């Protein structure tokens, strides 16, 4: 009997694979976590999947991971994330030799994905998406003196969305159209919004409640 005949081994392998792969997306580990994650998931599929289906299952798993990343970084509405999670769970469940092994593998993905967020407390968060949400401040104190004064005057003004902000879109303020971004929130078309922050020519808006 090989170690992979043990039903519970799937929770360890898929758990560590998902832990490191999502961890690589969340924190800057220079590819170390990615290599570890790829190694673990390759071992899992290599043990359970026949040669002909190996690549297919691997693709389904990584497509699911990619959909979760896209949803988390760009859309934030949960649709792609749900589809992505379903793809990952399907990819690890189908190759399992029996129901118990499949359930352990699925549980490993869920636990690994949840545990990966603990890396944010230990390692440096990736900042490649910060500019999208205006967390990189182009302040005058930092030497950015080319801020468009007309944009600066838009602070606290009210406008309406001309299309869906996902989170980037177009708004209209006083008969003029501007490109704007929400703080990771999906805002529907024809919604009243307020300018809460102006950074150069980048406009951050929030929904007006009430």
N, C-alpha and C. Protein backbone atom coordinates (compact mmCIF):
# COMPACT_ATOMS: atom_id res chain seq x y z
N UNK A 1 0.85 -1.20 0.00
CA UNK A 1 0.00 0.00 0.00
C UNK A 1 0.88 1.25 0.00
N UNK A 2 0.65 2.17 -0.95
CA UNK A 2 1.42 3.41 -0.99
C UNK A 2 0.78 4.43 -0.07
N UNK A 3 1.56 5.49 0.20
CA UNK A 3 1.04 6.53 1.07
C UNK A 3 -0.20 7.19 0.50
N UNK A 4 -0.35 7.16 -0.84
CA UNK A 4 -1.48 7.81 -1.48
C UNK A 4 -2.74 6.97 -1.40
N UNK A 5 -2.65 5.74 -0.91
CA UNK A 5 -3.84 4.93 -0.70
C UNK A 5 -4.57 5.34 0.58
N UNK A 6 -3.93 6.10 1.42
CA UNK A 6 -4.56 6.59 2.64
C UNK A 6 -5.53 7.69 2.26
N UNK A 7 -6.78 7.53 2.66
CA UNK A 7 -7.82 8.46 2.22
C UNK A 7 -7.56 9.89 2.67
N UNK A 8 -7.01 10.04 3.89
CA UNK A 8 -6.85 11.37 4.45
C UNK A 8 -5.67 12.15 3.87
N UNK A 9 -4.81 11.49 3.11
CA UNK A 9 -3.62 12.17 2.61
C UNK A 9 -3.97 13.32 1.67
N UNK A 10 -5.15 13.22 1.03
CA UNK A 10 -5.57 14.26 0.09
C UNK A 10 -5.73 15.62 0.75
N UNK A 11 -6.22 15.63 2.00
CA UNK A 11 -6.45 16.90 2.68
C UNK A 11 -5.12 17.63 2.93
N UNK A 12 -4.06 16.87 3.13
CA UNK A 12 -2.74 17.47 3.37
C UNK A 12 -2.16 18.04 2.08
N UNK A 13 -2.22 17.23 1.02
CA UNK A 13 -1.59 17.66 -0.23
C UNK A 13 -2.35 18.82 -0.87
N UNK A 14 -3.68 18.69 -1.01
CA UNK A 14 -4.45 19.78 -1.62
C UNK A 14 -4.48 21.01 -0.72
N UNK A 15 -4.43 20.77 0.59
CA UNK A 15 -4.41 21.90 1.52
C UNK A 15 -3.16 22.73 1.37
N UNK A 16 -1.99 22.07 1.36
CA UNK A 16 -0.74 22.81 1.20
C UNK A 16 -0.63 23.44 -0.19
N UNK A 17 -1.13 22.74 -1.21
CA UNK A 17 -1.08 23.29 -2.57
C UNK A 17 -1.84 24.60 -2.65
N UNK A 18 -3.07 24.59 -2.15
CA UNK A 18 -3.90 25.80 -2.19
C UNK A 18 -3.36 26.87 -1.26
N UNK A 19 -2.87 26.47 -0.11
CA UNK A 19 -2.29 27.41 0.86
C UNK A 19 -1.18 28.23 0.21
N UNK A 20 -0.25 27.55 -0.45
CA UNK A 20 0.91 28.24 -1.01
C UNK A 20 0.57 29.01 -2.28
N UNK A 21 -0.32 28.46 -3.11
CA UNK A 21 -0.66 29.15 -4.36
C UNK A 21 -1.40 30.46 -4.10
N UNK A 22 -2.41 30.42 -3.24
CA UNK A 22 -3.13 31.65 -2.92
C UNK A 22 -2.22 32.56 -2.10
N UNK A 23 -1.38 31.97 -1.26
CA UNK A 23 -0.44 32.77 -0.50
C UNK A 23 0.50 33.55 -1.39
N UNK A 24 0.91 32.96 -2.49
CA UNK A 24 1.80 33.65 -3.43
C UNK A 24 1.11 34.86 -4.04
N UNK A 25 -0.20 34.77 -4.24
CA UNK A 25 -0.95 35.90 -4.78
C UNK A 25 -1.08 37.02 -3.75
N UNK A 26 -1.23 36.64 -2.49
CA UNK A 26 -1.47 37.63 -1.43
C UNK A 26 -0.21 38.34 -0.97
N UNK A 27 0.89 37.60 -0.88
CA UNK A 27 2.12 38.19 -0.34
C UNK A 27 3.27 38.03 -1.33
N UNK A 28 4.27 38.85 -1.17
CA UNK A 28 5.41 38.86 -2.08
C UNK A 28 6.48 37.88 -1.60
N UNK A 29 6.45 36.66 -2.14
CA UNK A 29 7.42 35.63 -1.76
C UNK A 29 8.35 35.25 -2.91
N UNK A 30 8.37 36.08 -3.94
CA UNK A 30 9.28 35.91 -5.08
C UNK A 30 9.18 34.53 -5.73
N UNK A 31 7.98 33.99 -5.77
CA UNK A 31 7.76 32.73 -6.47
C UNK A 31 7.98 31.47 -5.65
N UNK A 32 8.48 31.62 -4.42
CA UNK A 32 8.76 30.43 -3.60
C UNK A 32 7.47 29.68 -3.28
N UNK A 33 6.46 30.42 -2.84
CA UNK A 33 5.18 29.79 -2.53
C UNK A 33 4.55 29.17 -3.78
N UNK A 34 4.71 29.85 -4.91
CA UNK A 34 4.14 29.32 -6.16
C UNK A 34 4.75 27.97 -6.51
N UNK A 35 6.07 27.87 -6.38
CA UNK A 35 6.75 26.60 -6.67
C UNK A 35 6.30 25.50 -5.71
N UNK A 36 6.17 25.84 -4.43
CA UNK A 36 5.71 24.85 -3.46
C UNK A 36 4.29 24.39 -3.78
N UNK A 37 3.42 25.36 -4.10
CA UNK A 37 2.04 25.02 -4.42
C UNK A 37 1.92 24.16 -5.65
N UNK A 38 2.66 24.52 -6.69
CA UNK A 38 2.65 23.72 -7.92
C UNK A 38 3.17 22.32 -7.66
N UNK A 39 4.20 22.24 -6.82
CA UNK A 39 4.76 20.94 -6.47
C UNK A 39 3.75 20.05 -5.78
N UNK A 40 3.04 20.58 -4.80
CA UNK A 40 2.05 19.79 -4.06
C UNK A 40 0.89 19.34 -4.96
N UNK A 41 0.36 20.27 -5.76
CA UNK A 41 -0.80 19.89 -6.58
C UNK A 41 -0.39 18.94 -7.69
N UNK A 42 0.85 19.05 -8.18
CA UNK A 42 1.35 18.10 -9.18
C UNK A 42 1.47 16.70 -8.59
N UNK A 43 1.94 16.62 -7.34
CA UNK A 43 2.02 15.33 -6.66
C UNK A 43 0.64 14.71 -6.51
N UNK A 44 -0.33 15.53 -6.16
CA UNK A 44 -1.70 15.01 -5.97
C UNK A 44 -2.25 14.44 -7.27
N UNK A 45 -2.20 15.23 -8.33
CA UNK A 45 -2.74 14.76 -9.60
C UNK A 45 -1.90 13.61 -10.16
N UNK A 46 -0.60 13.65 -9.95
CA UNK A 46 0.25 12.58 -10.42
C UNK A 46 -0.07 11.25 -9.76
N UNK A 47 -0.53 11.30 -8.50
CA UNK A 47 -0.85 10.07 -7.78
C UNK A 47 -2.20 9.49 -8.17
N UNK A 48 -3.16 10.36 -8.48
CA UNK A 48 -4.53 9.90 -8.70
C UNK A 48 -4.99 9.91 -10.16
N UNK A 49 -4.40 10.76 -10.97
CA UNK A 49 -4.90 10.95 -12.33
C UNK A 49 -4.06 10.20 -13.33
N UNK A 50 -4.73 9.57 -14.30
CA UNK A 50 -4.03 8.90 -15.38
C UNK A 50 -3.35 9.93 -16.28
N UNK A 51 -2.36 9.49 -16.99
CA UNK A 51 -1.55 10.40 -17.81
C UNK A 51 -2.39 11.24 -18.76
N UNK A 52 -3.40 10.65 -19.36
CA UNK A 52 -4.20 11.36 -20.35
C UNK A 52 -5.02 12.50 -19.75
N UNK A 53 -5.41 12.37 -18.50
CA UNK A 53 -6.26 13.38 -17.85
C UNK A 53 -5.48 14.31 -16.94
N UNK A 54 -4.21 14.05 -16.77
CA UNK A 54 -3.40 14.83 -15.84
C UNK A 54 -3.41 16.31 -16.18
N UNK A 55 -3.11 16.64 -17.43
CA UNK A 55 -3.04 18.04 -17.86
C UNK A 55 -4.40 18.71 -17.75
N UNK A 56 -5.46 17.96 -18.09
CA UNK A 56 -6.81 18.54 -18.05
C UNK A 56 -7.19 18.95 -16.63
N UNK A 57 -6.97 18.05 -15.68
CA UNK A 57 -7.29 18.35 -14.28
C UNK A 57 -6.45 19.51 -13.75
N UNK A 58 -5.19 19.55 -14.17
CA UNK A 58 -4.30 20.63 -13.75
C UNK A 58 -4.78 21.97 -14.29
N UNK A 59 -5.22 21.97 -15.54
CA UNK A 59 -5.72 23.19 -16.16
C UNK A 59 -6.99 23.68 -15.46
N UNK A 60 -7.90 22.76 -15.18
CA UNK A 60 -9.15 23.13 -14.50
C UNK A 60 -8.85 23.75 -13.14
N UNK A 61 -7.92 23.15 -12.42
CA UNK A 61 -7.56 23.67 -11.10
C UNK A 61 -7.00 25.09 -11.19
N UNK A 62 -6.07 25.31 -12.12
CA UNK A 62 -5.44 26.62 -12.21
C UNK A 62 -6.35 27.66 -12.85
N UNK A 63 -7.26 27.24 -13.72
CA UNK A 63 -8.26 28.17 -14.24
C UNK A 63 -9.15 28.66 -13.10
N UNK A 64 -9.53 27.72 -12.23
CA UNK A 64 -10.31 28.12 -11.06
C UNK A 64 -9.59 29.11 -10.19
N UNK A 65 -8.30 28.87 -9.97
CA UNK A 65 -7.49 29.80 -9.17
C UNK A 65 -7.42 31.17 -9.83
N UNK A 66 -7.26 31.17 -11.15
CA UNK A 66 -7.18 32.43 -11.89
C UNK A 66 -8.48 33.22 -11.79
N UNK A 67 -9.61 32.54 -11.86
CA UNK A 67 -10.90 33.22 -11.76
C UNK A 67 -11.07 33.86 -10.38
N UNK A 68 -10.62 33.18 -9.36
CA UNK A 68 -10.70 33.74 -8.01
C UNK A 68 -9.84 35.00 -7.90
N UNK A 69 -8.65 34.96 -8.50
CA UNK A 69 -7.75 36.11 -8.47
C UNK A 69 -8.37 37.29 -9.21
N UNK A 70 -8.94 37.04 -10.39
CA UNK A 70 -9.55 38.11 -11.19
C UNK A 70 -10.70 38.74 -10.42
N UNK A 71 -11.53 37.90 -9.81
CA UNK A 71 -12.67 38.42 -9.06
C UNK A 71 -12.20 39.26 -7.88
N UNK A 72 -11.20 38.76 -7.15
CA UNK A 72 -10.73 39.46 -5.97
C UNK A 72 -10.03 40.76 -6.27
N UNK A 73 -9.35 40.84 -7.41
CA UNK A 73 -8.55 42.02 -7.74
C UNK A 73 -9.29 43.05 -8.60
N UNK A 74 -10.26 42.59 -9.39
CA UNK A 74 -10.89 43.49 -10.34
C UNK A 74 -12.39 43.66 -10.16
N UNK A 75 -13.12 42.54 -10.04
CA UNK A 75 -14.58 42.62 -10.08
C UNK A 75 -15.22 42.75 -8.71
N UNK A 76 -14.81 41.90 -7.79
CA UNK A 76 -15.31 41.94 -6.42
C UNK A 76 -16.81 41.72 -6.28
N UNK A 77 -17.42 40.96 -7.18
CA UNK A 77 -18.84 40.68 -7.01
C UNK A 77 -19.10 39.23 -6.62
N UNK A 78 -18.06 38.42 -6.58
CA UNK A 78 -18.19 37.04 -6.11
C UNK A 78 -18.55 36.01 -7.15
N UNK A 79 -18.99 36.45 -8.33
CA UNK A 79 -19.44 35.50 -9.35
C UNK A 79 -18.30 34.62 -9.87
N UNK A 80 -17.25 35.27 -10.33
CA UNK A 80 -16.11 34.51 -10.85
C UNK A 80 -15.42 33.71 -9.75
N UNK A 81 -15.41 34.27 -8.54
CA UNK A 81 -14.80 33.55 -7.42
C UNK A 81 -15.54 32.26 -7.13
N UNK A 82 -16.86 32.30 -7.20
CA UNK A 82 -17.67 31.10 -6.97
C UNK A 82 -17.41 30.05 -8.04
N UNK A 83 -17.37 30.51 -9.30
CA UNK A 83 -17.09 29.59 -10.41
C UNK A 83 -15.68 29.01 -10.26
N UNK A 84 -14.72 29.88 -9.90
CA UNK A 84 -13.34 29.43 -9.74
C UNK A 84 -13.20 28.40 -8.64
N UNK A 85 -13.86 28.64 -7.50
CA UNK A 85 -13.81 27.69 -6.40
C UNK A 85 -14.42 26.35 -6.82
N UNK A 86 -15.53 26.42 -7.57
CA UNK A 86 -16.16 25.20 -8.04
C UNK A 86 -15.22 24.41 -8.96
N UNK A 87 -14.49 25.13 -9.80
CA UNK A 87 -13.52 24.47 -10.69
C UNK A 87 -12.42 23.77 -9.90
N UNK A 88 -11.90 24.45 -8.89
CA UNK A 88 -10.83 23.87 -8.08
C UNK A 88 -11.32 22.64 -7.32
N UNK A 89 -12.51 22.74 -6.75
CA UNK A 89 -13.06 21.61 -5.99
C UNK A 89 -13.35 20.43 -6.91
N UNK A 90 -13.86 20.73 -8.09
CA UNK A 90 -14.15 19.66 -9.06
C UNK A 90 -12.87 18.97 -9.50
N UNK A 91 -11.83 19.77 -9.74
CA UNK A 91 -10.56 19.23 -10.22
C UNK A 91 -9.94 18.26 -9.23
N UNK A 92 -10.06 18.54 -7.93
CA UNK A 92 -9.45 17.64 -6.95
C UNK A 92 -10.37 16.50 -6.54
N UNK A 93 -11.68 16.70 -6.71
CA UNK A 93 -12.63 15.66 -6.29
C UNK A 93 -12.76 14.53 -7.32
N UNK A 94 -12.79 14.89 -8.59
CA UNK A 94 -13.03 13.89 -9.64
C UNK A 94 -11.96 12.79 -9.70
N UNK A 95 -10.67 13.13 -9.56
CA UNK A 95 -9.65 12.07 -9.67
C UNK A 95 -9.59 11.14 -8.46
N UNK A 96 -10.19 11.53 -7.35
CA UNK A 96 -10.08 10.73 -6.13
C UNK A 96 -10.63 9.33 -6.34
N UNK A 97 -9.99 8.32 -5.77
CA UNK A 97 -10.40 6.93 -6.00
C UNK A 97 -11.72 6.55 -5.34
N UNK A 98 -12.14 7.30 -4.32
CA UNK A 98 -13.42 7.01 -3.67
C UNK A 98 -13.99 8.29 -3.07
N UNK A 99 -15.20 8.18 -2.54
CA UNK A 99 -15.90 9.36 -2.02
C UNK A 99 -15.15 10.00 -0.85
N UNK A 100 -14.66 9.19 0.05
CA UNK A 100 -13.97 9.72 1.23
C UNK A 100 -12.72 10.50 0.82
N UNK A 101 -11.95 9.96 -0.11
CA UNK A 101 -10.75 10.65 -0.58
C UNK A 101 -11.10 11.96 -1.24
N UNK A 102 -12.20 11.97 -2.01
CA UNK A 102 -12.64 13.19 -2.67
C UNK A 102 -13.05 14.26 -1.68
N UNK A 103 -13.76 13.84 -0.63
CA UNK A 103 -14.19 14.80 0.39
C UNK A 103 -12.99 15.37 1.14
N UNK A 104 -12.01 14.55 1.42
CA UNK A 104 -10.79 15.03 2.09
C UNK A 104 -10.06 16.04 1.20
N UNK A 105 -10.00 15.74 -0.10
CA UNK A 105 -9.31 16.65 -1.02
C UNK A 105 -10.02 17.99 -1.11
N UNK A 106 -11.35 17.95 -1.17
CA UNK A 106 -12.14 19.17 -1.21
C UNK A 106 -11.95 19.98 0.06
N UNK A 107 -11.98 19.30 1.20
CA UNK A 107 -11.77 19.98 2.47
C UNK A 107 -10.39 20.61 2.54
N UNK A 108 -9.40 19.95 1.95
CA UNK A 108 -8.05 20.50 1.93
C UNK A 108 -7.98 21.81 1.18
N UNK A 109 -8.68 21.90 0.04
CA UNK A 109 -8.71 23.14 -0.74
C UNK A 109 -9.34 24.27 0.07
N UNK A 110 -10.46 23.97 0.73
CA UNK A 110 -11.16 24.99 1.51
C UNK A 110 -10.32 25.47 2.70
N UNK A 111 -9.71 24.53 3.40
CA UNK A 111 -8.89 24.89 4.56
C UNK A 111 -7.62 25.64 4.13
N UNK A 112 -7.00 25.16 3.06
CA UNK A 112 -5.79 25.81 2.56
C UNK A 112 -6.05 27.23 2.09
N UNK A 113 -7.17 27.42 1.38
CA UNK A 113 -7.51 28.75 0.91
C UNK A 113 -7.77 29.72 2.06
N UNK A 114 -8.48 29.24 3.08
CA UNK A 114 -8.75 30.09 4.24
C UNK A 114 -7.50 30.40 5.04
N UNK A 115 -6.65 29.39 5.22
CA UNK A 115 -5.43 29.57 6.01
C UNK A 115 -4.43 30.49 5.33
N UNK A 116 -4.50 30.62 4.01
CA UNK A 116 -3.52 31.43 3.29
C UNK A 116 -3.55 32.90 3.70
N UNK A 117 -4.70 33.36 4.20
CA UNK A 117 -4.81 34.77 4.58
C UNK A 117 -4.00 35.10 5.83
N UNK A 118 -3.58 34.08 6.56
CA UNK A 118 -2.72 34.32 7.72
C UNK A 118 -1.33 34.80 7.29
N UNK A 119 -0.96 34.53 6.03
CA UNK A 119 0.33 35.01 5.53
C UNK A 119 0.39 36.53 5.55
N UNK A 120 -0.79 37.18 5.44
CA UNK A 120 -0.82 38.64 5.43
C UNK A 120 -0.35 39.23 6.75
N UNK A 121 -0.42 38.45 7.81
CA UNK A 121 0.01 38.92 9.13
C UNK A 121 1.52 38.76 9.33
N UNK A 122 2.14 37.99 8.43
CA UNK A 122 3.55 37.67 8.62
C UNK A 122 4.44 38.27 7.54
N UNK A 123 3.97 38.21 6.28
CA UNK A 123 4.79 38.65 5.16
C UNK A 123 4.25 39.93 4.53
N UNK A 124 5.07 40.54 3.68
CA UNK A 124 4.70 41.78 3.02
C UNK A 124 3.63 41.53 1.96
N UNK A 125 2.58 42.33 2.02
CA UNK A 125 1.48 42.21 1.07
C UNK A 125 1.94 42.67 -0.31
N UNK A 126 1.46 41.98 -1.34
CA UNK A 126 1.75 42.43 -2.71
C UNK A 126 1.10 43.79 -2.93
N UNK A 127 1.81 44.70 -3.61
CA UNK A 127 1.28 46.04 -3.83
C UNK A 127 1.08 46.36 -5.31
N UNK A 128 1.08 45.34 -6.16
CA UNK A 128 0.99 45.59 -7.60
C UNK A 128 -0.37 46.16 -8.02
N UNK A 129 -1.39 45.99 -7.15
CA UNK A 129 -2.72 46.47 -7.50
C UNK A 129 -3.08 47.75 -6.74
N UNK A 130 -2.16 48.27 -5.96
CA UNK A 130 -2.51 49.39 -5.10
C UNK A 130 -2.96 50.62 -5.87
N UNK A 131 -2.33 50.86 -7.01
CA UNK A 131 -2.68 52.06 -7.75
C UNK A 131 -4.12 52.04 -8.22
N UNK A 132 -4.66 50.85 -8.44
CA UNK A 132 -6.04 50.74 -8.89
C UNK A 132 -7.01 51.27 -7.86
N UNK A 133 -6.70 51.07 -6.58
CA UNK A 133 -7.61 51.50 -5.52
C UNK A 133 -7.11 52.76 -4.82
N UNK A 134 -6.15 53.41 -5.42
CA UNK A 134 -5.66 54.69 -4.93
C UNK A 134 -5.02 54.61 -3.55
N UNK A 135 -4.45 53.49 -3.20
CA UNK A 135 -3.77 53.41 -1.92
C UNK A 135 -2.35 53.94 -2.02
N UNK A 136 -1.83 54.08 -3.24
CA UNK A 136 -0.56 54.79 -3.43
C UNK A 136 -0.90 56.26 -3.61
N UNK A 137 -0.54 57.08 -2.66
CA UNK A 137 -0.93 58.47 -2.68
C UNK A 137 0.08 59.32 -3.44
N UNK A 138 -0.40 60.02 -4.45
CA UNK A 138 0.45 60.94 -5.19
C UNK A 138 0.31 62.32 -4.57
N UNK A 139 0.84 62.48 -3.40
CA UNK A 139 0.66 63.70 -2.64
C UNK A 139 1.69 64.76 -3.05
N UNK A 140 1.38 66.00 -2.73
CA UNK A 140 2.33 67.09 -2.99
C UNK A 140 3.57 66.93 -2.13
N UNK A 141 3.36 66.40 -0.90
CA UNK A 141 4.49 66.20 -0.01
C UNK A 141 5.48 65.20 -0.58
N UNK A 142 4.98 64.25 -1.39
CA UNK A 142 5.85 63.24 -1.97
C UNK A 142 6.51 63.74 -3.24
N UNK A 143 6.21 64.98 -3.64
CA UNK A 143 6.86 65.56 -4.80
C UNK A 143 6.03 65.55 -6.06
N UNK A 144 4.75 65.19 -5.97
CA UNK A 144 3.90 65.17 -7.15
C UNK A 144 3.16 66.51 -7.22
N UNK A 145 3.72 67.44 -7.95
CA UNK A 145 3.17 68.80 -7.99
C UNK A 145 2.34 69.06 -9.23
N UNK A 146 2.12 68.03 -10.03
CA UNK A 146 1.40 68.23 -11.28
C UNK A 146 -0.07 67.87 -11.16
N UNK A 147 -0.61 67.85 -9.96
CA UNK A 147 -2.01 67.49 -9.76
C UNK A 147 -2.90 68.49 -10.49
N UNK A 148 -3.84 67.94 -11.20
CA UNK A 148 -4.75 68.77 -11.97
C UNK A 148 -5.71 69.49 -11.01
N UNK A 149 -5.63 70.83 -11.00
CA UNK A 149 -6.41 71.61 -10.05
C UNK A 149 -7.91 71.46 -10.27
N UNK A 150 -8.31 71.27 -11.52
CA UNK A 150 -9.73 71.11 -11.79
C UNK A 150 -10.28 69.83 -11.19
N UNK A 151 -9.45 68.80 -11.17
CA UNK A 151 -9.86 67.54 -10.55
C UNK A 151 -9.94 67.69 -9.03
N UNK A 152 -9.03 68.46 -8.48
CA UNK A 152 -9.00 68.66 -7.04
C UNK A 152 -10.30 69.30 -6.56
N UNK A 153 -10.93 70.11 -7.41
CA UNK A 153 -12.17 70.79 -7.04
C UNK A 153 -13.38 69.86 -7.05
N UNK A 154 -13.20 68.62 -7.54
CA UNK A 154 -14.31 67.68 -7.59
C UNK A 154 -14.57 67.01 -6.24
N UNK A 155 -13.66 67.18 -5.30
CA UNK A 155 -13.79 66.52 -4.00
C UNK A 155 -15.12 66.91 -3.35
N UNK A 156 -15.84 65.88 -2.88
CA UNK A 156 -17.14 65.99 -2.20
C UNK A 156 -18.30 66.33 -3.12
N UNK A 157 -18.04 66.41 -4.42
CA UNK A 157 -19.15 66.67 -5.34
C UNK A 157 -19.89 65.37 -5.66
N UNK A 158 -21.14 65.54 -6.09
CA UNK A 158 -22.01 64.39 -6.36
C UNK A 158 -22.15 64.21 -7.87
N UNK A 159 -22.13 62.97 -8.30
CA UNK A 159 -22.31 62.65 -9.70
C UNK A 159 -23.12 61.39 -9.87
N UNK A 160 -23.20 60.90 -11.09
CA UNK A 160 -23.95 59.68 -11.37
C UNK A 160 -23.11 58.78 -12.28
N UNK A 161 -23.20 57.49 -12.07
CA UNK A 161 -22.42 56.55 -12.89
C UNK A 161 -23.06 56.38 -14.26
N UNK A 162 -22.24 56.43 -15.28
CA UNK A 162 -22.74 56.25 -16.65
C UNK A 162 -22.68 54.79 -17.08
N UNK A 163 -21.92 53.98 -16.36
CA UNK A 163 -21.87 52.55 -16.60
C UNK A 163 -21.52 51.87 -15.27
N UNK A 164 -21.45 50.55 -15.28
CA UNK A 164 -21.11 49.83 -14.06
C UNK A 164 -19.64 50.07 -13.70
N UNK A 165 -19.38 50.40 -12.45
CA UNK A 165 -18.01 50.52 -11.96
C UNK A 165 -17.60 49.17 -11.40
N UNK A 166 -16.56 48.51 -12.03
CA UNK A 166 -16.23 47.12 -11.67
C UNK A 166 -14.78 46.87 -11.24
N UNK A 167 -14.10 47.69 -10.55
CA UNK A 167 -14.54 48.93 -9.90
C UNK A 167 -14.27 50.20 -10.70
N UNK A 168 -13.74 50.07 -11.95
CA UNK A 168 -13.43 51.26 -12.75
C UNK A 168 -14.57 51.52 -13.73
N UNK A 169 -14.90 52.77 -13.93
CA UNK A 169 -15.96 53.13 -14.87
C UNK A 169 -15.98 54.62 -15.12
N UNK A 170 -17.11 55.12 -15.63
CA UNK A 170 -17.26 56.53 -15.97
C UNK A 170 -18.40 57.15 -15.18
N UNK A 171 -18.16 58.36 -14.68
CA UNK A 171 -19.20 59.09 -13.96
C UNK A 171 -19.40 60.45 -14.61
N UNK A 172 -20.53 61.07 -14.32
CA UNK A 172 -20.82 62.41 -14.84
C UNK A 172 -21.06 63.36 -13.68
N UNK A 173 -20.30 64.45 -13.66
CA UNK A 173 -20.45 65.48 -12.64
C UNK A 173 -20.59 66.83 -13.35
N UNK A 174 -21.72 67.50 -13.11
CA UNK A 174 -21.97 68.82 -13.69
C UNK A 174 -21.75 68.82 -15.21
N UNK A 175 -22.37 67.84 -15.84
CA UNK A 175 -22.38 67.72 -17.30
C UNK A 175 -21.02 67.37 -17.91
N UNK A 176 -20.07 66.97 -17.07
CA UNK A 176 -18.77 66.53 -17.57
C UNK A 176 -18.52 65.09 -17.15
N UNK A 177 -17.87 64.32 -18.04
CA UNK A 177 -17.61 62.91 -17.77
C UNK A 177 -16.18 62.70 -17.28
N UNK A 178 -16.05 61.82 -16.29
CA UNK A 178 -14.74 61.52 -15.71
C UNK A 178 -14.60 60.02 -15.50
N UNK A 179 -13.38 59.55 -15.60
CA UNK A 179 -13.07 58.17 -15.24
C UNK A 179 -12.92 58.12 -13.73
N UNK A 180 -13.55 57.11 -13.10
CA UNK A 180 -13.53 57.01 -11.65
C UNK A 180 -13.37 55.56 -11.23
N UNK A 181 -13.08 55.38 -9.96
CA UNK A 181 -12.90 54.04 -9.41
C UNK A 181 -13.57 53.98 -8.05
N UNK A 182 -14.21 52.83 -7.78
CA UNK A 182 -14.77 52.61 -6.44
C UNK A 182 -13.73 51.89 -5.61
N UNK A 183 -13.94 51.84 -4.33
CA UNK A 183 -12.99 51.19 -3.44
C UNK A 183 -13.24 49.69 -3.41
N UNK A 184 -13.07 49.05 -4.59
CA UNK A 184 -13.26 47.61 -4.70
C UNK A 184 -14.70 47.19 -4.75
N UNK A 185 -15.64 48.12 -4.83
CA UNK A 185 -17.07 47.81 -4.81
C UNK A 185 -17.66 47.93 -6.20
N UNK A 186 -18.56 46.99 -6.55
CA UNK A 186 -19.26 47.06 -7.82
C UNK A 186 -20.41 48.04 -7.67
N UNK A 187 -20.42 49.12 -8.45
CA UNK A 187 -21.49 50.12 -8.40
C UNK A 187 -22.22 50.10 -9.73
N UNK A 188 -23.52 49.94 -9.68
CA UNK A 188 -24.33 49.81 -10.89
C UNK A 188 -24.48 51.15 -11.62
N UNK A 189 -24.86 51.05 -12.89
CA UNK A 189 -25.12 52.22 -13.72
C UNK A 189 -26.26 53.04 -13.13
N UNK A 190 -26.21 54.37 -13.35
CA UNK A 190 -27.24 55.31 -12.90
C UNK A 190 -27.36 55.39 -11.38
N UNK A 191 -26.24 55.16 -10.69
CA UNK A 191 -26.22 55.27 -9.23
C UNK A 191 -25.57 56.59 -8.83
N UNK A 192 -26.17 57.29 -7.85
CA UNK A 192 -25.58 58.53 -7.37
C UNK A 192 -24.36 58.22 -6.51
N UNK A 193 -23.26 58.90 -6.80
CA UNK A 193 -22.02 58.67 -6.06
C UNK A 193 -21.43 60.02 -5.62
N UNK A 194 -20.58 59.94 -4.63
CA UNK A 194 -19.90 61.13 -4.12
C UNK A 194 -18.40 60.96 -4.24
N UNK A 195 -17.71 61.98 -4.66
CA UNK A 195 -16.25 61.94 -4.75
C UNK A 195 -15.67 62.07 -3.34
N UNK A 196 -14.98 61.05 -2.90
CA UNK A 196 -14.42 61.06 -1.54
C UNK A 196 -12.91 61.24 -1.53
N UNK A 197 -12.29 61.09 -2.71
CA UNK A 197 -10.83 61.27 -2.76
C UNK A 197 -10.40 61.57 -4.18
N UNK A 198 -9.47 62.50 -4.33
CA UNK A 198 -8.90 62.84 -5.64
C UNK A 198 -7.39 62.71 -5.53
N UNK A 199 -6.82 61.93 -6.43
CA UNK A 199 -5.38 61.69 -6.41
C UNK A 199 -4.84 61.93 -7.81
N UNK A 200 -4.34 63.15 -8.05
CA UNK A 200 -3.95 63.50 -9.41
C UNK A 200 -5.20 63.61 -10.26
N UNK A 201 -5.30 62.78 -11.28
CA UNK A 201 -6.51 62.73 -12.11
C UNK A 201 -7.33 61.48 -11.83
N UNK A 202 -7.04 60.82 -10.73
CA UNK A 202 -7.79 59.62 -10.34
C UNK A 202 -8.84 59.98 -9.30
N UNK A 203 -10.03 59.53 -9.52
CA UNK A 203 -11.16 59.91 -8.67
C UNK A 203 -11.71 58.66 -7.98
N UNK A 204 -11.80 58.73 -6.66
CA UNK A 204 -12.38 57.64 -5.88
C UNK A 204 -13.77 58.06 -5.44
N UNK A 205 -14.76 57.19 -5.69
CA UNK A 205 -16.15 57.53 -5.36
C UNK A 205 -16.77 56.47 -4.46
N UNK A 206 -17.84 56.88 -3.77
CA UNK A 206 -18.62 55.97 -2.94
C UNK A 206 -20.09 56.21 -3.22
N UNK A 207 -20.90 55.18 -2.97
CA UNK A 207 -22.35 55.31 -3.14
C UNK A 207 -22.91 56.25 -2.09
N UNK A 208 -23.85 57.07 -2.50
CA UNK A 208 -24.56 57.94 -1.55
C UNK A 208 -25.71 57.14 -0.95
N UNK A 209 -25.66 56.94 0.34
CA UNK A 209 -26.73 56.19 1.02
C UNK A 209 -27.83 57.13 1.47
N UNK A 210 -29.05 56.66 1.24
CA UNK A 210 -30.18 57.46 1.67
C UNK A 210 -30.65 58.45 0.63
